[in-house]
C-alpha atoms as a PDB file:
ATOM      1  CA  MET A   1       0.000   0.000   0.000  1.00  0.00           C
ATOM      2  CA  THR A   2       0.979   3.639  -0.450  1.00  0.00           C
ATOM      3  CA  ILE A   3      -0.309   6.384   1.851  1.00  0.00           C
ATOM      4  CA  GLY A   4      -1.083   9.712   0.217  1.00  0.00           C
ATOM      5  CA  ILE A   5      -0.816  12.937   2.202  1.00  0.00           C
ATOM      6  CA  ILE A   6      -2.376  16.126   0.834  1.00  0.00           C
ATOM      7  CA  GLY A   7      -1.509  19.275   2.727  1.00  0.00           C
ATOM      8  CA  GLY A   8       1.120  21.920   3.309  1.00  0.00           C
ATOM      9  CA  SER A   9       4.439  21.857   1.514  1.00  0.00           C
ATOM     10  CA  GLY A  10       6.432  21.262   4.706  1.00  0.00           C
ATOM     11  CA  LEU A  11       4.785  18.001   5.727  1.00  0.00           C
ATOM     12  CA  TYR A  12       7.359  15.847   3.965  1.00  0.00           C
ATOM     13  CA  ASP A  13      10.200  17.162   6.145  1.00  0.00           C
ATOM     14  CA  LEU A  14      10.084  14.168   8.473  1.00  0.00           C
ATOM     15  CA  PRO A  15      12.880  12.488  10.442  1.00  0.00           C
ATOM     16  CA  GLY A  16      13.584   8.989   9.184  1.00  0.00           C
ATOM     17  CA  LEU A  17      12.150   9.515   5.709  1.00  0.00           C
ATOM     18  CA  THR A  18      14.266   7.630   3.143  1.00  0.00           C
ATOM     19  CA  ASP A  19      14.339   6.867  -0.592  1.00  0.00           C
ATOM     20  CA  THR A  20      13.004  10.339  -1.273  1.00  0.00           C
ATOM     21  CA  ARG A  21      12.454  11.872  -4.687  1.00  0.00           C
ATOM     22  CA  TRP A  22      10.144  14.263  -6.494  1.00  0.00           C
ATOM     23  CA  VAL A  23       8.234  12.770  -9.428  1.00  0.00           C
ATOM     24  CA  THR A  24       6.304  14.500 -12.181  1.00  0.00           C
ATOM     25  CA  VAL A  25       2.870  13.043 -12.841  1.00  0.00           C
ATOM     26  CA  ASP A  26       0.568  13.865 -15.740  1.00  0.00           C
ATOM     27  CA  THR A  27      -3.097  12.910 -15.758  1.00  0.00           C
ATOM     28  CA  PRO A  28      -5.984  13.029 -18.258  1.00  0.00           C
ATOM     29  CA  TRP A  29      -7.220  16.019 -16.231  1.00  0.00           C
ATOM     30  CA  GLY A  30      -3.970  17.935 -16.521  1.00  0.00           C
ATOM     31  CA  ALA A  31      -1.144  18.532 -14.082  1.00  0.00           C
ATOM     32  CA  PRO A  32      -1.579  18.329 -10.302  1.00  0.00           C
ATOM     33  CA  SER A  33      -0.669  21.224  -8.022  1.00  0.00           C
ATOM     34  CA  ASP A  34       2.992  20.190  -7.964  1.00  0.00           C
ATOM     35  CA  GLN A  35       5.284  17.230  -8.334  1.00  0.00           C
ATOM     36  CA  VAL A  36       4.637  14.437  -5.843  1.00  0.00           C
ATOM     37  CA  PHE A  37       7.259  13.754  -3.165  1.00  0.00           C
ATOM     38  CA  LEU A  38       7.780  10.020  -2.619  1.00  0.00           C
ATOM     39  CA  GLY A  39       9.548   8.372   0.278  1.00  0.00           C
ATOM     40  CA  ARG A  40       9.599   5.583   2.825  1.00  0.00           C
ATOM     41  CA  LEU A  41       9.083   5.818   6.547  1.00  0.00           C
ATOM     42  CA  GLY A  42      10.133   2.482   7.916  1.00  0.00           C
ATOM     43  CA  ALA A  43       8.230  -0.059   5.835  1.00  0.00           C
ATOM     44  CA  ALA A  44       5.498   2.393   4.822  1.00  0.00           C
ATOM     45  CA  ARG A  45       5.471   4.059   1.394  1.00  0.00           C
ATOM     46  CA  LEU A  46       4.334   7.692   1.384  1.00  0.00           C
ATOM     47  CA  ALA A  47       3.341  10.150  -1.341  1.00  0.00           C
ATOM     48  CA  PHE A  48       3.132  13.837  -0.396  1.00  0.00           C
ATOM     49  CA  LEU A  49       1.288  16.342  -2.570  1.00  0.00           C
ATOM     50  CA  PRO A  50       1.395  20.063  -1.685  1.00  0.00           C
ATOM     51  CA  ARG A  51      -2.232  21.061  -2.286  1.00  0.00           C
ATOM     52  CA  HIS A  52      -1.403  24.663  -3.166  1.00  0.00           C
ATOM     53  CA  GLY A  53       2.000  23.928  -4.715  1.00  0.00           C
ATOM     54  CA  ARG A  54       5.322  24.644  -3.063  1.00  0.00           C
ATOM     55  CA  GLY A  55       5.302  28.225  -1.848  1.00  0.00           C
ATOM     56  CA  HIS A  56       1.479  28.242  -1.694  1.00  0.00           C
ATOM     57  CA  ARG A  57       1.028  29.500  -5.261  1.00  0.00           C
ATOM     58  CA  ILE A  58      -2.479  28.248  -6.061  1.00  0.00           C
ATOM     59  CA  PRO A  59      -5.656  29.636  -4.422  1.00  0.00           C
ATOM     60  CA  PRO A  60      -8.335  27.153  -3.259  1.00  0.00           C
ATOM     61  CA  GLY A  61     -10.697  27.813  -6.167  1.00  0.00           C
ATOM     62  CA  GLU A  62      -7.991  27.165  -8.759  1.00  0.00           C
ATOM     63  CA  VAL A  63      -6.571  23.910  -7.376  1.00  0.00           C
ATOM     64  CA  ASN A  64      -6.880  21.123  -9.952  1.00  0.00           C
ATOM     65  CA  TYR A  65      -8.515  18.690  -7.536  1.00  0.00           C
ATOM     66  CA  ARG A  66      -9.197  16.066 -10.216  1.00  0.00           C
ATOM     67  CA  ALA A  67      -5.557  15.996 -11.266  1.00  0.00           C
ATOM     68  CA  ASN A  68      -4.401  15.829  -7.640  1.00  0.00           C
ATOM     69  CA  VAL A  69      -6.531  12.798  -6.821  1.00  0.00           C
ATOM     70  CA  ALA A  70      -5.830  11.119 -10.166  1.00  0.00           C
ATOM     71  CA  ALA A  71      -2.080  11.613  -9.687  1.00  0.00           C
ATOM     72  CA  LEU A  72      -2.144   9.899  -6.294  1.00  0.00           C
ATOM     73  CA  LYS A  73      -4.275   7.056  -7.640  1.00  0.00           C
ATOM     74  CA  SER A  74      -1.832   6.526 -10.530  1.00  0.00           C
ATOM     75  CA  LEU A  75       1.026   6.181  -8.035  1.00  0.00           C
ATOM     76  CA  GLY A  76      -0.709   3.323  -6.238  1.00  0.00           C
ATOM     77  CA  VAL A  77      -2.054   5.354  -3.315  1.00  0.00           C
ATOM     78  CA  THR A  78      -4.843   3.548  -1.468  1.00  0.00           C
ATOM     79  CA  ASP A  79      -5.319   5.740   1.615  1.00  0.00           C
ATOM     80  CA  VAL A  80      -5.419   9.550   1.609  1.00  0.00           C
ATOM     81  CA  LEU A  81      -4.847  11.763   4.637  1.00  0.00           C
ATOM     82  CA  SER A  82      -6.021  15.305   3.990  1.00  0.00           C
ATOM     83  CA  LEU A  83      -4.654  17.952   6.369  1.00  0.00           C
ATOM     84  CA  SER A  84      -5.886  21.524   6.219  1.00  0.00           C
ATOM     85  CA  ALA A  85      -6.007  24.721   8.254  1.00  0.00           C
ATOM     86  CA  VAL A  86      -9.529  25.795   9.226  1.00  0.00           C
ATOM     87  CA  GLY A  87     -11.488  28.282  11.280  1.00  0.00           C
ATOM     88  CA  GLY A  88     -13.331  27.003  14.332  1.00  0.00           C
ATOM     89  CA  LEU A  89     -17.098  27.458  14.554  1.00  0.00           C
ATOM     90  CA  LYS A  90     -17.560  26.160  18.093  1.00  0.00           C
ATOM     91  CA  GLU A  91     -16.285  27.483  21.413  1.00  0.00           C
ATOM     92  CA  GLU A  92     -15.054  24.023  22.358  1.00  0.00           C
ATOM     93  CA  LEU A  93     -12.758  23.906  19.295  1.00  0.00           C
ATOM     94  CA  PRO A  94     -10.148  26.549  20.153  1.00  0.00           C
ATOM     95  CA  PRO A  95      -7.100  27.413  18.047  1.00  0.00           C
ATOM     96  CA  GLY A  96      -4.591  24.567  18.150  1.00  0.00           C
ATOM     97  CA  SER A  97      -7.183  21.786  18.311  1.00  0.00           C
ATOM     98  CA  PHE A  98      -7.686  19.154  15.625  1.00  0.00           C
ATOM     99  CA  VAL A  99     -10.991  17.859  14.279  1.00  0.00           C
ATOM    100  CA  VAL A 100     -11.355  14.445  12.626  1.00  0.00           C
ATOM    101  CA  VAL A 101     -14.098  15.510  10.234  1.00  0.00           C
ATOM    102  CA  ASP A 102     -16.860  13.083   9.256  1.00  0.00           C
ATOM    103  CA  GLN A 103     -19.344  15.298   7.352  1.00  0.00           C
ATOM    104  CA  PHE A 104     -19.285  18.147   4.833  1.00  0.00           C
ATOM    105  CA  ILE A 105     -21.494  20.989   3.672  1.00  0.00           C
ATOM    106  CA  ASP A 106     -20.587  22.133   0.162  1.00  0.00           C
ATOM    107  CA  ARG A 107     -20.751  25.894  -0.390  1.00  0.00           C
ATOM    108  CA  THR A 108     -18.269  25.955  -3.265  1.00  0.00           C
ATOM    109  CA  VAL A 109     -19.256  27.128  -6.734  1.00  0.00           C
ATOM    110  CA  GLY A 110     -17.920  26.325 -10.172  1.00  0.00           C
ATOM    111  CA  ARG A 111     -15.421  23.633  -9.180  1.00  0.00           C
ATOM    112  CA  ALA A 112     -15.228  20.430 -11.225  1.00  0.00           C
ATOM    113  CA  SER A 113     -16.464  17.875  -8.705  1.00  0.00           C
ATOM    114  CA  SER A 114     -16.558  14.623 -10.681  1.00  0.00           C
ATOM    115  CA  PHE A 115     -14.351  12.564 -12.958  1.00  0.00           C
ATOM    116  CA  PHE A 116     -17.456  11.387 -14.768  1.00  0.00           C
ATOM    117  CA  GLY A 117     -19.601  13.324 -17.226  1.00  0.00           C
ATOM    118  CA  THR A 118     -21.330  13.221 -20.602  1.00  0.00           C
ATOM    119  CA  GLY A 119     -20.649   9.846 -22.173  1.00  0.00           C
ATOM    120  CA  LEU A 120     -20.299   8.005 -18.882  1.00  0.00           C
ATOM    121  CA  VAL A 121     -22.473   9.011 -15.939  1.00  0.00           C
ATOM    122  CA  ALA A 122     -21.940   7.798 -12.367  1.00  0.00           C
ATOM    123  CA  HIS A 123     -23.429   8.622  -8.978  1.00  0.00           C
ATOM    124  CA  VAL A 124     -21.510   7.606  -5.846  1.00  0.00           C
ATOM    125  CA  SER A 125     -22.885   7.751  -2.326  1.00  0.00           C
ATOM    126  CA  MET A 126     -21.588  10.568  -0.141  1.00  0.00           C
ATOM    127  CA  ALA A 127     -23.835   9.842   2.836  1.00  0.00           C
ATOM    128  CA  HIS A 128     -20.731   8.944   4.830  1.00  0.00           C
ATOM    129  CA  PRO A 129     -18.066  10.956   2.982  1.00  0.00           C
ATOM    130  CA  VAL A 130     -14.937   9.853   4.828  1.00  0.00           C
ATOM    131  CA  CYS A 131     -13.445   6.485   5.715  1.00  0.00           C
ATOM    132  CA  ARG A 132     -14.355   5.410   9.242  1.00  0.00           C
ATOM    133  CA  ARG A 133     -11.382   3.027   9.397  1.00  0.00           C
ATOM    134  CA  LEU A 134      -8.929   5.833   8.627  1.00  0.00           C
ATOM    135  CA  GLY A 135     -10.739   8.188  10.985  1.00  0.00           C
ATOM    136  CA  ASP A 136     -10.393   5.668  13.809  1.00  0.00           C
ATOM    137  CA  HIS A 137      -6.647   5.443  13.164  1.00  0.00           C
ATOM    138  CA  VAL A 138      -6.318   9.241  13.185  1.00  0.00           C
ATOM    139  CA  HIS A 139      -8.322   9.496  16.423  1.00  0.00           C
ATOM    140  CA  ALA A 140      -6.143   6.854  18.090  1.00  0.00           C
ATOM    141  CA  ALA A 141      -2.898   8.481  16.934  1.00  0.00           C
ATOM    142  CA  LEU A 142      -3.931  11.960  18.125  1.00  0.00           C
ATOM    143  CA  GLY A 143      -4.861  10.471  21.478  1.00  0.00           C
ATOM    144  CA  THR A 144      -1.469   8.785  21.784  1.00  0.00           C
ATOM    145  CA  LEU A 145       0.262  12.062  20.925  1.00  0.00           C
ATOM    146  CA  GLY A 146      -1.816  13.960  23.468  1.00  0.00           C
ATOM    147  CA  VAL A 147      -3.101  16.430  20.866  1.00  0.00           C
ATOM    148  CA  ALA A 148      -6.384  18.153  21.747  1.00  0.00           C
ATOM    149  CA  HIS A 149      -8.886  16.891  19.203  1.00  0.00           C
ATOM    150  CA  HIS A 150     -12.503  16.023  18.533  1.00  0.00           C
ATOM    151  CA  ARG A 151     -13.690  12.865  16.768  1.00  0.00           C
ATOM    152  CA  GLY A 152     -16.426  13.806  14.326  1.00  0.00           C
ATOM    153  CA  GLY A 153     -17.585  17.153  13.039  1.00  0.00           C
ATOM    154  CA  THR A 154     -18.977  18.948  10.007  1.00  0.00           C
ATOM    155  CA  TYR A 155     -16.699  20.914   7.687  1.00  0.00           C
ATOM    156  CA  VAL A 156     -18.240  23.790   5.726  1.00  0.00           C
ATOM    157  CA  ALA A 157     -16.381  24.131   2.432  1.00  0.00           C
ATOM    158  CA  MET A 158     -16.635  27.729   1.241  1.00  0.00           C
ATOM    159  CA  GLU A 159     -15.435  29.046  -2.108  1.00  0.00           C
ATOM    160  CA  GLY A 160     -13.112  31.797  -0.904  1.00  0.00           C
ATOM    161  CA  PRO A 161     -10.551  33.170  -1.310  1.00  0.00           C
ATOM    162  CA  GLN A 162     -12.188  35.771   0.955  1.00  0.00           C
ATOM    163  CA  PHE A 163     -13.138  34.743   4.479  1.00  0.00           C
ATOM    164  CA  SER A 164     -16.733  34.678   5.745  1.00  0.00           C
ATOM    165  CA  THR A 165     -18.879  37.636   6.620  1.00  0.00           C
ATOM    166  CA  GLN A 166     -20.086  37.667  10.203  1.00  0.00           C
ATOM    167  CA  ALA A 167     -23.622  36.869   9.024  1.00  0.00           C
ATOM    168  CA  GLU A 168     -22.352  33.797   7.160  1.00  0.00           C
ATOM    169  CA  SER A 169     -20.316  32.677  10.152  1.00  0.00           C
ATOM    170  CA  HIS A 170     -23.374  32.845  12.423  1.00  0.00           C
ATOM    171  CA  LEU A 171     -25.416  30.986   9.788  1.00  0.00           C
ATOM    172  CA  TYR A 172     -22.941  28.103   9.666  1.00  0.00           C
ATOM    173  CA  ARG A 173     -22.928  27.942  13.455  1.00  0.00           C
ATOM    174  CA  SER A 174     -26.727  27.708  13.429  1.00  0.00           C
ATOM    175  CA  TRP A 175     -26.375  24.672  11.165  1.00  0.00           C
ATOM    176  CA  GLY A 176     -24.240  22.939  13.787  1.00  0.00           C
ATOM    177  CA  ALA A 177     -21.075  23.002  11.681  1.00  0.00           C
ATOM    178  CA  SER A 178     -17.749  22.565  13.468  1.00  0.00           C
ATOM    179  CA  VAL A 179     -15.121  24.104  11.183  1.00  0.00           C
ATOM    180  CA  ILE A 180     -14.874  26.103   7.974  1.00  0.00           C
ATOM    181  CA  GLY A 181     -12.291  25.822   5.206  1.00  0.00           C
ATOM    182  CA  MET A 182     -11.834  26.145   1.456  1.00  0.00           C
ATOM    183  CA  THR A 183     -10.168  22.945   0.250  1.00  0.00           C
ATOM    184  CA  ASN A 184     -11.792  19.650   1.290  1.00  0.00           C
ATOM    185  CA  LEU A 185     -14.402  19.778  -1.466  1.00  0.00           C
ATOM    186  CA  PRO A 186     -14.456  18.546  -4.140  1.00  0.00           C
ATOM    187  CA  GLU A 187     -11.381  16.655  -2.912  1.00  0.00           C
ATOM    188  CA  ALA A 188     -13.411  14.229  -0.765  1.00  0.00           C
ATOM    189  CA  LYS A 189     -15.937  13.592  -3.552  1.00  0.00           C
ATOM    190  CA  LEU A 190     -13.211  12.789  -6.050  1.00  0.00           C
ATOM    191  CA  ALA A 191     -11.434  10.478  -3.616  1.00  0.00           C
ATOM    192  CA  ARG A 192     -14.684   8.544  -3.223  1.00  0.00           C
ATOM    193  CA  GLU A 193     -15.081   8.241  -7.010  1.00  0.00           C
ATOM    194  CA  ALA A 194     -11.485   7.003  -7.219  1.00  0.00           C
ATOM    195  CA  GLU A 195     -12.279   4.373  -4.561  1.00  0.00           C
ATOM    196  CA  LEU A 196      -9.648   5.764  -2.207  1.00  0.00           C
ATOM    197  CA  CYS A 197     -10.022   5.703   1.562  1.00  0.00           C
ATOM    198  CA  TYR A 198     -10.037   9.358   2.645  1.00  0.00           C
ATOM    199  CA  ALA A 199      -9.709  11.010   6.043  1.00  0.00           C
ATOM    200  CA  SER A 200     -10.000  14.738   6.692  1.00  0.00           C
ATOM    201  CA  ILE A 201      -7.941  16.237   9.524  1.00  0.00           C
ATOM    202  CA  SER A 202      -8.823  19.866  10.241  1.00  0.00           C
ATOM    203  CA  MET A 203      -6.303  21.937  12.181  1.00  0.00           C
ATOM    204  CA  VAL A 204      -7.975  24.953  13.826  1.00  0.00           C
ATOM    205  CA  THR A 205      -5.906  28.131  13.518  1.00  0.00           C
ATOM    206  CA  ASP A 206      -8.450  30.659  14.813  1.00  0.00           C
ATOM    207  CA  TYR A 207     -12.071  31.165  15.685  1.00  0.00           C
ATOM    208  CA  ASP A 208     -13.998  32.333  12.653  1.00  0.00           C
ATOM    209  CA  CYS A 209     -15.299  35.919  12.746  1.00  0.00           C
ATOM    210  CA  TRP A 210     -18.364  34.940  14.823  1.00  0.00           C
ATOM    211  CA  HIS A 211     -16.237  34.950  17.994  1.00  0.00           C
ATOM    212  CA  PRO A 212     -16.220  38.149  20.125  1.00  0.00           C
ATOM    213  CA  GLY A 213     -12.438  37.942  20.502  1.00  0.00           C
ATOM    214  CA  HIS A 214     -11.718  37.364  16.823  1.00  0.00           C
ATOM    215  CA  ASP A 215     -10.722  40.969  16.078  1.00  0.00           C
ATOM    216  CA  ALA A 216      -8.161  40.925  18.884  1.00  0.00           C
ATOM    217  CA  VAL A 217      -6.225  38.007  17.366  1.00  0.00           C
ATOM    218  CA  THR A 218      -2.730  39.047  16.254  1.00  0.00           C
ATOM    219  CA  VAL A 219      -0.684  37.748  13.348  1.00  0.00           C
ATOM    220  CA  ASP A 220       1.950  36.559  15.816  1.00  0.00           C
ATOM    221  CA  ALA A 221      -0.655  34.492  17.648  1.00  0.00           C
ATOM    222  CA  ILE A 222      -1.872  32.874  14.433  1.00  0.00           C
ATOM    223  CA  ILE A 223       1.701  32.058  13.397  1.00  0.00           C
ATOM    224  CA  ARG A 224       2.353  30.392  16.745  1.00  0.00           C
ATOM    225  CA  VAL A 225      -0.740  28.236  16.278  1.00  0.00           C
ATOM    226  CA  LEU A 226       0.262  27.376  12.703  1.00  0.00           C
ATOM    227  CA  LEU A 227       3.744  26.296  13.803  1.00  0.00           C
ATOM    228  CA  GLY A 228       2.325  24.213  16.627  1.00  0.00           C
ATOM    229  CA  ASN A 229      -0.212  22.576  14.313  1.00  0.00           C
ATOM    230  CA  ALA A 230       2.512  21.811  11.756  1.00  0.00           C
ATOM    231  CA  ALA A 231       4.640  20.091  14.397  1.00  0.00           C
ATOM    232  CA  HIS A 232       1.668  18.002  15.550  1.00  0.00           C
ATOM    233  CA  ALA A 233       0.793  17.166  11.923  1.00  0.00           C
ATOM    234  CA  LYS A 234       4.280  15.782  11.286  1.00  0.00           C
ATOM    235  CA  SER A 235       4.134  13.635  14.418  1.00  0.00           C
ATOM    236  CA  LEU A 236       0.692  12.445  13.353  1.00  0.00           C
ATOM    237  CA  VAL A 237       1.927  11.382   9.921  1.00  0.00           C
ATOM    238  CA  VAL A 238       4.797   9.422  11.488  1.00  0.00           C
ATOM    239  CA  ASP A 239       2.465   7.545  13.848  1.00  0.00           C
ATOM    240  CA  LEU A 240      -0.162   6.927  11.189  1.00  0.00           C
ATOM    241  CA  ALA A 241       2.335   5.600   8.649  1.00  0.00           C
ATOM    242  CA  ALA A 242       3.260   2.741  10.964  1.00  0.00           C
ATOM    243  CA  ALA A 243      -0.333   2.039  12.008  1.00  0.00           C
ATOM    244  CA  LEU A 244      -1.711   2.030   8.469  1.00  0.00           C
ATOM    245  CA  HIS A 245       1.099  -0.139   7.153  1.00  0.00           C
ATOM    246  CA  ALA A 246       0.360  -2.678   9.886  1.00  0.00           C
ATOM    247  CA  ASP A 247      -3.351  -2.478   9.007  1.00  0.00           C
ATOM    248  CA  GLY A 248      -2.660  -3.405   5.389  1.00  0.00           C
ATOM    249  CA  ASP A 249      -4.923  -2.378   2.535  1.00  0.00           C
ATOM    250  CA  GLY A 250      -8.059  -2.348   4.666  1.00  0.00           C
ATOM    251  CA  PRO A 251      -9.685  -5.346   2.970  1.00  0.00           C
ATOM    252  CA  GLY A 252     -13.441  -5.154   3.076  1.00  0.00           C
ATOM    253  CA  CYS A 253     -13.525  -1.360   3.433  1.00  0.00           C
ATOM    254  CA  ALA A 254     -16.553  -0.035   1.542  1.00  0.00           C
ATOM    255  CA  CYS A 255     -14.485   2.837   0.111  1.00  0.00           C
ATOM    256  CA  ARG A 256     -12.635   0.315  -2.036  1.00  0.00           C
ATOM    257  CA  ARG A 257     -15.872  -0.613  -3.817  1.00  0.00           C
ATOM    258  CA  ALA A 258     -17.612   2.742  -4.097  1.00  0.00           C
ATOM    259  CA  LEU A 259     -18.223   2.262  -7.830  1.00  0.00           C
ATOM    260  CA  ASP A 260     -19.861  -1.165  -7.567  1.00  0.00           C
ATOM    261  CA  HIS A 261     -23.335   0.241  -8.292  1.00  0.00           C
ATOM    262  CA  ALA A 262     -22.466   3.784  -9.380  1.00  0.00           C
ATOM    263  CA  LEU A 263     -22.236   3.576 -13.189  1.00  0.00           C
ATOM    264  CA  ILE A 264     -25.556   4.548 -14.785  1.00  0.00           C
ATOM    265  CA  THR A 265     -24.776   4.727 -18.506  1.00  0.00           C
ATOM    266  CA  ALA A 266     -25.424   1.424 -20.294  1.00  0.00           C
ATOM    267  CA  PRO A 267     -22.219  -0.189 -21.613  1.00  0.00           C
ATOM    268  CA  GLU A 268     -23.340   0.096 -25.238  1.00  0.00           C
ATOM    269  CA  ALA A 269     -24.080   3.825 -24.796  1.00  0.00           C
ATOM    270  CA  ARG A 270     -20.750   4.770 -23.215  1.00  0.00           C
ATOM    271  CA  ASP A 271     -18.454   7.136 -25.062  1.00  0.00           C
ATOM    272  CA  ALA A 272     -15.262   5.255 -25.926  1.00  0.00           C
ATOM    273  CA  ALA A 273     -12.998   8.252 -25.358  1.00  0.00           C
ATOM    274  CA  MET A 274     -14.557   8.891 -21.947  1.00  0.00           C
ATOM    275  CA  VAL A 275     -14.159   5.238 -20.992  1.00  0.00           C
ATOM    276  CA  GLU A 276     -10.478   5.366 -21.908  1.00  0.00           C
ATOM    277  CA  LYS A 277      -9.985   8.606 -19.980  1.00  0.00           C
ATOM    278  CA  LEU A 278     -11.462   6.973 -16.875  1.00  0.00           C
ATOM    279  CA  ARG A 279      -9.384   3.772 -16.983  1.00  0.00           C
ATOM    280  CA  GLY A 280      -7.033   4.964 -14.260  1.00  0.00           C
ATOM    281  CA  ILE A 281      -9.890   5.933 -11.961  1.00  0.00           C
ATOM    282  CA  ALA A 282     -12.602   3.392 -12.644  1.00  0.00           C
ATOM    283  CA  GLY A 283     -10.837   0.588 -14.494  1.00  0.00           C
ATOM    284  CA  ARG A 284     -11.974  -1.956 -11.904  1.00  0.00           C
ATOM    285  CA  VAL A 285     -15.604  -1.602 -13.003  1.00  0.00           C
ATOM    286  CA  LEU A 286     -15.116  -0.812 -16.695  1.00  0.00           C
ATOM    287  CA  THR A 287     -15.330  -3.628 -19.214  1.00  0.00           C
END
């Protein structure tokens, strides 16, 4: 198995990482955000993809999410850990805490959210949008590390790149959402279509603008939280690499068979070019 990590460009700076190299990957959906950094941590194989490119060059709405997921799939990735900075929408999720997300609300607009389309239509279930098995591993690892975290929570994916208005922030809180960010969708939807196990790890950097003390937050304070979160994220990846390698490929996980009943277009009506384009994503169910 190969574990894919999507997140900040510094995550691959881990002690003990060997056999490292950057590889260029092309996909039918274009180029991913950057080259993919491959390495080994003990017996575990890892593939790191900077979501915004090295140096944070790409805004959330312009990330080529399809190419990112397709690139990881083409490299043999089976399990994806998505790490992202978020704003907290609940008092009990202060800056510095982690949330193992299990639900999403999609407020993005205009982002390509499916590999499928005219010529080959598919509908996958997103009722449970993340992998429970991976989430359990993340929860256990954060507990071992002593990192303040919450198991379960709803992530509001907003378009950005601007942050919320106060009215929007209060609206999302009224919905019971836990955190707000700009990057986990359509990433999670595409991972499901690619039959990859996907876990979302939200790292709270600040309270969103709903909080009375939000305006008093300084840049220095945010930077301290970011640095602390980054250190915890690296430790988390190290612990998870060993645990997931020991777990194997998660046989029997429903994520691995998400396309079993998803293809709607009759075989004789499928566009040949579209079928070929989707071989790397859906080859298991294409005949």
